[in-house]
Amino acid sequence: MSEHDDFLRTGNRSFRLTADVTALMLKGAAYAALFCFAIFLIGWAFVFVAGLLPEDSKLAPDPTPTSFLQAPAPGSATGHDLA
């Protein structure tokens, strides 16, 4: 009777390569999941801080009026009056 203790077949070179590649892929997937979870937690931290702000700060107009541009209304002081 022969002893067969190699249940995982680690003696086979092809299996060892497949196992190493699979382990590295799972490790990379775990790092990616951790990164995505960290981004998710940071987003929820922003939502939590926004909930702590007073209501007036959410409804107030923009303190820097030149921070965005608006297109002029048609026919208003553009030099191209269509009369």
PDB file of N, CA and C in Angstrom:
ATOM      1  N   MET A   1       0.826  -1.173   0.000  1.00  0.00           N
ATOM      2  CA  MET A   1       0.000   0.000   0.000  1.00  0.00           C
ATOM      3  C   MET A   1       0.875   1.243   0.000  1.00  0.00           C
ATOM      4  N   SER A   2       0.662   2.160  -0.919  1.00  0.00           N
ATOM      5  CA  SER A   2       1.490   3.362  -1.004  1.00  0.00           C
ATOM      6  C   SER A   2       0.832   4.513  -0.245  1.00  0.00           C
ATOM      7  N   GLU A   3       1.680   5.322   0.319  1.00  0.00           N
ATOM      8  CA  GLU A   3       1.155   6.489   1.028  1.00  0.00           C
ATOM      9  C   GLU A   3       0.958   7.627   0.031  1.00  0.00           C
ATOM     10  N   HIS A   4      -0.229   8.167   0.031  1.00  0.00           N
ATOM     11  CA  HIS A   4      -0.542   9.259  -0.888  1.00  0.00           C
ATOM     12  C   HIS A   4      -0.994  10.460  -0.053  1.00  0.00           C
ATOM     13  N   ASP A   5      -0.012  11.253   0.391  1.00  0.00           N
ATOM     14  CA  ASP A   5      -0.301  12.388   1.259  1.00  0.00           C
ATOM     15  C   ASP A   5      -0.457  13.699   0.508  1.00  0.00           C
ATOM     16  N   ASP A   6      -0.271  13.707  -0.791  1.00  0.00           N
ATOM     17  CA  ASP A   6      -0.322  14.950  -1.570  1.00  0.00           C
ATOM     18  C   ASP A   6      -1.750  15.187  -2.060  1.00  0.00           C
ATOM     19  N   PHE A   7      -2.631  15.581  -1.132  1.00  0.00           N
ATOM     20  CA  PHE A   7      -4.042  15.771  -1.483  1.00  0.00           C
ATOM     21  C   PHE A   7      -4.261  16.983  -2.391  1.00  0.00           C
ATOM     22  N   LEU A   8      -3.436  18.004  -2.252  1.00  0.00           N
ATOM     23  CA  LEU A   8      -3.587  19.213  -3.067  1.00  0.00           C
ATOM     24  C   LEU A   8      -2.792  19.152  -4.366  1.00  0.00           C
ATOM     25  N   ARG A   9      -2.104  18.082  -4.594  1.00  0.00           N
ATOM     26  CA  ARG A   9      -1.286  17.878  -5.790  1.00  0.00           C
ATOM     27  C   ARG A   9      -0.276  19.015  -5.980  1.00  0.00           C
ATOM     28  N   THR A  10       0.344  19.444  -4.886  1.00  0.00           N
ATOM     29  CA  THR A  10       1.316  20.524  -4.977  1.00  0.00           C
ATOM     30  C   THR A  10       2.638  20.084  -5.590  1.00  0.00           C
ATOM     31  N   GLY A  11       2.825  18.810  -5.715  1.00  0.00           N
ATOM     32  CA  GLY A  11       4.038  18.318  -6.353  1.00  0.00           C
ATOM     33  C   GLY A  11       4.009  18.540  -7.864  1.00  0.00           C
ATOM     34  N   ASN A  12       2.820  18.686  -8.431  1.00  0.00           N
ATOM     35  CA  ASN A  12       2.665  18.911  -9.867  1.00  0.00           C
ATOM     36  C   ASN A  12       2.980  20.376 -10.170  1.00  0.00           C
ATOM     37  N   ARG A  13       3.925  20.632 -11.066  1.00  0.00           N
ATOM     38  CA  ARG A  13       4.364  21.995 -11.385  1.00  0.00           C
ATOM     39  C   ARG A  13       3.237  22.819 -11.997  1.00  0.00           C
ATOM     40  N   SER A  14       2.419  22.250 -12.834  1.00  0.00           N
ATOM     41  CA  SER A  14       1.320  22.971 -13.481  1.00  0.00           C
ATOM     42  C   SER A  14       0.283  23.421 -12.449  1.00  0.00           C
ATOM     43  N   PHE A  15      -0.016  22.539 -11.509  1.00  0.00           N
ATOM     44  CA  PHE A  15      -0.989  22.903 -10.474  1.00  0.00           C
ATOM     45  C   PHE A  15      -0.436  24.017  -9.588  1.00  0.00           C
ATOM     46  N   ARG A  16       0.836  23.965  -9.273  1.00  0.00           N
ATOM     47  CA  ARG A  16       1.450  24.981  -8.414  1.00  0.00           C
ATOM     48  C   ARG A  16       1.384  26.344  -9.087  1.00  0.00           C
ATOM     49  N   LEU A  17       1.629  26.418 -10.371  1.00  0.00           N
ATOM     50  CA  LEU A  17       1.540  27.685 -11.100  1.00  0.00           C
ATOM     51  C   LEU A  17       0.112  28.214 -11.081  1.00  0.00           C
ATOM     52  N   THR A  18      -0.857  27.341 -11.313  1.00  0.00           N
ATOM     53  CA  THR A  18      -2.263  27.750 -11.289  1.00  0.00           C
ATOM     54  C   THR A  18      -2.657  28.239  -9.900  1.00  0.00           C
ATOM     55  N   ALA A  19      -2.198  27.575  -8.867  1.00  0.00           N
ATOM     56  CA  ALA A  19      -2.518  27.977  -7.498  1.00  0.00           C
ATOM     57  C   ALA A  19      -1.895  29.325  -7.166  1.00  0.00           C
ATOM     58  N   ASP A  20      -0.658  29.549  -7.583  1.00  0.00           N
ATOM     59  CA  ASP A  20      -0.005  30.831  -7.315  1.00  0.00           C
ATOM     60  C   ASP A  20      -0.706  31.980  -8.041  1.00  0.00           C
ATOM     61  N   VAL A  21      -1.061  31.771  -9.297  1.00  0.00           N
ATOM     62  CA  VAL A  21      -1.750  32.810 -10.074  1.00  0.00           C
ATOM     63  C   VAL A  21      -3.115  33.099  -9.471  1.00  0.00           C
ATOM     64  N   THR A  22      -3.834  32.072  -9.078  1.00  0.00           N
ATOM     65  CA  THR A  22      -5.149  32.266  -8.468  1.00  0.00           C
ATOM     66  C   THR A  22      -5.030  33.030  -7.151  1.00  0.00           C
ATOM     67  N   ALA A  23      -4.040  32.690  -6.350  1.00  0.00           N
ATOM     68  CA  ALA A  23      -3.839  33.387  -5.079  1.00  0.00           C
ATOM     69  C   ALA A  23      -3.510  34.859  -5.318  1.00  0.00           C
ATOM     70  N   LEU A  24      -2.678  35.155  -6.298  1.00  0.00           N
ATOM     71  CA  LEU A  24      -2.344  36.545  -6.601  1.00  0.00           C
ATOM     72  C   LEU A  24      -3.552  37.318  -7.125  1.00  0.00           C
ATOM     73  N   MET A  25      -4.386  36.669  -7.932  1.00  0.00           N
ATOM     74  CA  MET A  25      -5.592  37.334  -8.438  1.00  0.00           C
ATOM     75  C   MET A  25      -6.568  37.625  -7.300  1.00  0.00           C
ATOM     76  N   LEU A  26      -6.720  36.693  -6.372  1.00  0.00           N
ATOM     77  CA  LEU A  26      -7.606  36.918  -5.226  1.00  0.00           C
ATOM     78  C   LEU A  26      -7.058  38.016  -4.317  1.00  0.00           C
ATOM     79  N   LYS A  27      -5.756  38.080  -4.174  1.00  0.00           N
ATOM     80  CA  LYS A  27      -5.142  39.133  -3.374  1.00  0.00           C
ATOM     81  C   LYS A  27      -5.387  40.497  -4.021  1.00  0.00           C
ATOM     82  N   GLY A  28      -5.247  40.588  -5.328  1.00  0.00           N
ATOM     83  CA  GLY A  28      -5.523  41.838  -6.034  1.00  0.00           C
ATOM     84  C   GLY A  28      -6.983  42.232  -5.940  1.00  0.00           C
ATOM     85  N   ALA A  29      -7.886  41.265  -6.020  1.00  0.00           N
ATOM     86  CA  ALA A  29      -9.311  41.550  -5.882  1.00  0.00           C
ATOM     87  C   ALA A  29      -9.632  42.050  -4.474  1.00  0.00           C
ATOM     88  N   ALA A  30      -8.955  41.507  -3.477  1.00  0.00           N
ATOM     89  CA  ALA A  30      -9.164  41.969  -2.099  1.00  0.00           C
ATOM     90  C   ALA A  30      -8.677  43.405  -1.937  1.00  0.00           C
ATOM     91  N   TYR A  31      -7.532  43.739  -2.533  1.00  0.00           N
ATOM     92  CA  TYR A  31      -7.048  45.120  -2.474  1.00  0.00           C
ATOM     93  C   TYR A  31      -8.022  46.068  -3.176  1.00  0.00           C
ATOM     94  N   ALA A  32      -8.552  45.661  -4.322  1.00  0.00           N
ATOM     95  CA  ALA A  32      -9.508  46.502  -5.041  1.00  0.00           C
ATOM     96  C   ALA A  32     -10.790  46.692  -4.237  1.00  0.00           C
ATOM     97  N   ALA A  33     -11.263  45.644  -3.592  1.00  0.00           N
ATOM     98  CA  ALA A  33     -12.466  45.751  -2.762  1.00  0.00           C
ATOM     99  C   ALA A  33     -12.214  46.671  -1.574  1.00  0.00           C
ATOM    100  N   LEU A  34     -11.042  46.575  -0.973  1.00  0.00           N
ATOM    101  CA  LEU A  34     -10.698  47.456   0.138  1.00  0.00           C
ATOM    102  C   LEU A  34     -10.640  48.911  -0.311  1.00  0.00           C
ATOM    103  N   PHE A  35     -10.073  49.166  -1.475  1.00  0.00           N
ATOM    104  CA  PHE A  35     -10.003  50.520  -2.024  1.00  0.00           C
ATOM    105  C   PHE A  35     -11.401  51.076  -2.289  1.00  0.00           C
ATOM    106  N   CYS A  36     -12.261  50.278  -2.905  1.00  0.00           N
ATOM    107  CA  CYS A  36     -13.638  50.725  -3.184  1.00  0.00           C
ATOM    108  C   CYS A  36     -14.410  50.975  -1.894  1.00  0.00           C
ATOM    109  N   PHE A  37     -14.204  50.144  -0.891  1.00  0.00           N
ATOM    110  CA  PHE A  37     -14.873  50.333   0.392  1.00  0.00           C
ATOM    111  C   PHE A  37     -14.391  51.622   1.064  1.00  0.00           C
ATOM    112  N   ALA A  38     -13.100  51.931   0.942  1.00  0.00           N
ATOM    113  CA  ALA A  38     -12.567  53.174   1.515  1.00  0.00           C
ATOM    114  C   ALA A  38     -13.177  54.385   0.826  1.00  0.00           C
ATOM    115  N   ILE A  39     -13.315  54.349  -0.492  1.00  0.00           N
ATOM    116  CA  ILE A  39     -13.953  55.445  -1.225  1.00  0.00           C
ATOM    117  C   ILE A  39     -15.405  55.585  -0.783  1.00  0.00           C
ATOM    118  N   PHE A  40     -16.092  54.473  -0.587  1.00  0.00           N
ATOM    119  CA  PHE A  40     -17.477  54.492  -0.124  1.00  0.00           C
ATOM    120  C   PHE A  40     -17.578  55.134   1.262  1.00  0.00           C
ATOM    121  N   LEU A  41     -16.667  54.794   2.161  1.00  0.00           N
ATOM    122  CA  LEU A  41     -16.679  55.374   3.507  1.00  0.00           C
ATOM    123  C   LEU A  41     -16.399  56.874   3.479  1.00  0.00           C
ATOM    124  N   ILE A  42     -15.504  57.303   2.614  1.00  0.00           N
ATOM    125  CA  ILE A  42     -15.216  58.732   2.488  1.00  0.00           C
ATOM    126  C   ILE A  42     -16.449  59.471   1.980  1.00  0.00           C
ATOM    127  N   GLY A  43     -17.155  58.887   1.027  1.00  0.00           N
ATOM    128  CA  GLY A  43     -18.391  59.500   0.529  1.00  0.00           C
ATOM    129  C   GLY A  43     -19.437  59.629   1.617  1.00  0.00           C
ATOM    130  N   TRP A  44     -19.596  58.599   2.427  1.00  0.00           N
ATOM    131  CA  TRP A  44     -20.559  58.668   3.520  1.00  0.00           C
ATOM    132  C   TRP A  44     -20.126  59.671   4.581  1.00  0.00           C
ATOM    133  N   ALA A  45     -18.826  59.873   4.755  1.00  0.00           N
ATOM    134  CA  ALA A  45     -18.350  60.890   5.698  1.00  0.00           C
ATOM    135  C   ALA A  45     -18.770  62.279   5.214  1.00  0.00           C
ATOM    136  N   PHE A  46     -18.678  62.528   3.908  1.00  0.00           N
ATOM    137  CA  PHE A  46     -19.131  63.804   3.357  1.00  0.00           C
ATOM    138  C   PHE A  46     -20.632  63.984   3.569  1.00  0.00           C
ATOM    139  N   VAL A  47     -21.400  62.927   3.364  1.00  0.00           N
ATOM    140  CA  VAL A  47     -22.850  63.010   3.574  1.00  0.00           C
ATOM    141  C   VAL A  47     -23.153  63.289   5.038  1.00  0.00           C
ATOM    142  N   PHE A  48     -22.418  62.663   5.951  1.00  0.00           N
ATOM    143  CA  PHE A  48     -22.635  62.881   7.372  1.00  0.00           C
ATOM    144  C   PHE A  48     -22.316  64.331   7.761  1.00  0.00           C
ATOM    145  N   VAL A  49     -21.187  64.852   7.263  1.00  0.00           N
ATOM    146  CA  VAL A  49     -20.815  66.237   7.573  1.00  0.00           C
ATOM    147  C   VAL A  49     -21.829  67.202   6.969  1.00  0.00           C
ATOM    148  N   ALA A  50     -22.323  66.923   5.784  1.00  0.00           N
ATOM    149  CA  ALA A  50     -23.329  67.789   5.164  1.00  0.00           C
ATOM    150  C   ALA A  50     -24.611  67.790   5.980  1.00  0.00           C
ATOM    151  N   GLY A  51     -24.931  66.698   6.618  1.00  0.00           N
ATOM    152  CA  GLY A  51     -26.122  66.639   7.466  1.00  0.00           C
ATOM    153  C   GLY A  51     -25.975  67.456   8.735  1.00  0.00           C
ATOM    154  N   LEU A  52     -24.747  67.697   9.155  1.00  0.00           N
ATOM    155  CA  LEU A  52     -24.507  68.498  10.353  1.00  0.00           C
ATOM    156  C   LEU A  52     -24.579  70.001  10.089  1.00  0.00           C
ATOM    157  N   LEU A  53     -24.494  70.405   8.826  1.00  0.00           N
ATOM    158  CA  LEU A  53     -24.522  71.827   8.495  1.00  0.00           C
ATOM    159  C   LEU A  53     -25.913  72.405   8.718  1.00  0.00           C
ATOM    160  N   PRO A  54     -25.989  73.683   9.071  1.00  0.00           N
ATOM    161  CA  PRO A  54     -27.312  74.299   9.242  1.00  0.00           C
ATOM    162  C   PRO A  54     -28.035  74.427   7.906  1.00  0.00           C
ATOM    163  N   GLU A  55     -29.353  74.484   7.973  1.00  0.00           N
ATOM    164  CA  GLU A  55     -30.169  74.532   6.758  1.00  0.00           C
ATOM    165  C   GLU A  55     -29.907  75.794   5.943  1.00  0.00           C
ATOM    166  N   ASP A  56     -29.607  76.908   6.626  1.00  0.00           N
ATOM    167  CA  ASP A  56     -29.360  78.162   5.901  1.00  0.00           C
ATOM    168  C   ASP A  56     -28.154  78.065   4.982  1.00  0.00           C
ATOM    169  N   SER A  57     -27.157  77.304   5.362  1.00  0.00           N
ATOM    170  CA  SER A  57     -25.971  77.187   4.514  1.00  0.00           C
ATOM    171  C   SER A  57     -26.268  76.400   3.238  1.00  0.00           C
ATOM    172  N   LYS A  58     -27.278  75.571   3.278  1.00  0.00           N
ATOM    173  CA  LYS A  58     -27.625  74.785   2.092  1.00  0.00           C
ATOM    174  C   LYS A  58     -28.460  75.589   1.107  1.00  0.00           C
ATOM    175  N   LEU A  59     -29.198  76.581   1.611  1.00  0.00           N
ATOM    176  CA  LEU A  59     -30.098  77.353   0.762  1.00  0.00           C
ATOM    177  C   LEU A  59     -29.527  78.704   0.368  1.00  0.00           C
ATOM    178  N   ALA A  60     -28.389  79.089   0.903  1.00  0.00           N
ATOM    179  CA  ALA A  60     -27.796  80.394   0.624  1.00  0.00           C
ATOM    180  C   ALA A  60     -27.276  80.451  -0.810  1.00  0.00           C
ATOM    181  N   PRO A  61     -27.263  81.634  -1.410  1.00  0.00           N
ATOM    182  CA  PRO A  61     -26.701  81.756  -2.761  1.00  0.00           C
ATOM    183  C   PRO A  61     -25.183  81.579  -2.738  1.00  0.00           C
ATOM    184  N   ASP A  62     -24.627  81.370  -3.889  1.00  0.00           N
ATOM    185  CA  ASP A  62     -23.196  81.168  -4.019  1.00  0.00           C
ATOM    186  C   ASP A  62     -22.454  82.446  -3.604  1.00  0.00           C
ATOM    187  N   PRO A  63     -21.468  82.341  -2.699  1.00  0.00           N
ATOM    188  CA  PRO A  63     -20.765  83.540  -2.258  1.00  0.00           C
ATOM    189  C   PRO A  63     -19.828  84.116  -3.317  1.00  0.00           C
ATOM    190  N   THR A  64     -19.473  83.345  -4.326  1.00  0.00           N
ATOM    191  CA  THR A  64     -18.626  83.850  -5.408  1.00  0.00           C
ATOM    192  C   THR A  64     -19.436  83.815  -6.693  1.00  0.00           C
ATOM    193  N   PRO A  65     -20.054  84.930  -7.066  1.00  0.00           N
ATOM    194  CA  PRO A  65     -20.945  84.917  -8.235  1.00  0.00           C
ATOM    195  C   PRO A  65     -20.232  84.674  -9.555  1.00  0.00           C
ATOM    196  N   THR A  66     -18.925  84.837  -9.588  1.00  0.00           N
ATOM    197  CA  THR A  66     -18.203  84.604 -10.844  1.00  0.00           C
ATOM    198  C   THR A  66     -17.673  83.180 -10.940  1.00  0.00           C
ATOM    199  N   SER A  67     -18.110  82.309 -10.051  1.00  0.00           N
ATOM    200  CA  SER A  67     -17.598  80.941 -10.086  1.00  0.00           C
ATOM    201  C   SER A  67     -18.241  80.099 -11.183  1.00  0.00           C
ATOM    202  N   PHE A  68     -19.283  80.617 -11.793  1.00  0.00           N
ATOM    203  CA  PHE A  68     -19.884  79.914 -12.917  1.00  0.00           C
ATOM    204  C   PHE A  68     -20.365  80.933 -13.935  1.00  0.00           C
ATOM    205  N   LEU A  69     -20.502  80.509 -15.162  1.00  0.00           N
ATOM    206  CA  LEU A  69     -20.934  81.400 -16.242  1.00  0.00           C
ATOM    207  C   LEU A  69     -22.325  80.999 -16.681  1.00  0.00           C
ATOM    208  N   GLN A  70     -23.129  82.000 -16.990  1.00  0.00           N
ATOM    209  CA  GLN A  70     -24.455  81.741 -17.516  1.00  0.00           C
ATOM    210  C   GLN A  70     -24.543  82.355 -18.902  1.00  0.00           C
ATOM    211  N   ALA A  71     -25.220  81.669 -19.788  1.00  0.00           N
ATOM    212  CA  ALA A  71     -25.432  82.201 -21.127  1.00  0.00           C
ATOM    213  C   ALA A  71     -26.454  83.345 -21.040  1.00  0.00           C
ATOM    214  N   PRO A  72     -26.211  84.418 -21.787  1.00  0.00           N
ATOM    215  CA  PRO A  72     -27.162  85.527 -21.749  1.00  0.00           C
ATOM    216  C   PRO A  72     -28.491  85.112 -22.378  1.00  0.00           C
ATOM    217  N   ALA A  73     -29.554  85.729 -21.912  1.00  0.00           N
ATOM    218  CA  ALA A  73     -30.872  85.431 -22.447  1.00  0.00           C
ATOM    219  C   ALA A  73     -30.932  85.896 -23.898  1.00  0.00           C
ATOM    220  N   PRO A  74     -31.689  85.215 -24.736  1.00  0.00           N
ATOM    221  CA  PRO A  74     -31.784  85.607 -26.161  1.00  0.00           C
ATOM    222  C   PRO A  74     -32.333  87.024 -26.302  1.00  0.00           C
ATOM    223  N   GLY A  75     -31.621  87.867 -27.096  1.00  0.00           N
ATOM    224  CA  GLY A  75     -32.067  89.210 -27.387  1.00  0.00           C
ATOM    225  C   GLY A  75     -31.744  90.217 -26.299  1.00  0.00           C
ATOM    226  N   SER A  76     -30.871  89.884 -25.368  1.00  0.00           N
ATOM    227  CA  SER A  76     -30.576  90.825 -24.279  1.00  0.00           C
ATOM    228  C   SER A  76     -29.152  91.327 -24.397  1.00  0.00           C
ATOM    229  N   ALA A  77     -28.978  92.572 -24.708  1.00  0.00           N
ATOM    230  CA  ALA A  77     -27.713  93.305 -24.696  1.00  0.00           C
ATOM    231  C   ALA A  77     -26.536  92.526 -25.236  1.00  0.00           C
ATOM    232  N   THR A  78     -26.707  91.821 -26.298  1.00  0.00           N
ATOM    233  CA  THR A  78     -25.610  91.067 -26.870  1.00  0.00           C
ATOM    234  C   THR A  78     -25.053  91.759 -28.123  1.00  0.00           C
ATOM    235  N   GLY A  79     -25.715  92.840 -28.536  1.00  0.00           N
ATOM    236  CA  GLY A  79     -25.274  93.534 -29.745  1.00  0.00           C
ATOM    237  C   GLY A  79     -25.894  92.961 -31.001  1.00  0.00           C
ATOM    238  N   HIS A  80     -26.717  91.948 -30.855  1.00  0.00           N
ATOM    239  CA  HIS A  80     -27.365  91.321 -32.004  1.00  0.00           C
ATOM    240  C   HIS A  80     -28.872  91.391 -31.827  1.00  0.00           C
ATOM    241  N   ASP A  81     -29.399  92.596 -31.768  1.00  0.00           N
ATOM    242  CA  ASP A  81     -30.844  92.766 -31.600  1.00  0.00           C
ATOM    243  C   ASP A  81     -31.552  92.430 -32.897  1.00  0.00           C
ATOM    244  N   LEU A  82     -32.582  91.660 -32.801  1.00  0.00           N
ATOM    245  CA  LEU A  82     -33.349  91.247 -33.971  1.00  0.00           C
ATOM    246  C   LEU A  82     -34.659  92.022 -34.035  1.00  0.00           C
ATOM    247  N   ALA A  83     -34.591  93.304 -34.254  1.00  0.00           N
ATOM    248  CA  ALA A  83     -35.820  94.107 -34.275  1.00  0.00           C
ATOM    249  C   ALA A  83     -36.299  94.376 -35.651  1.00  0.00           C
TER     250      ALA A  83
END
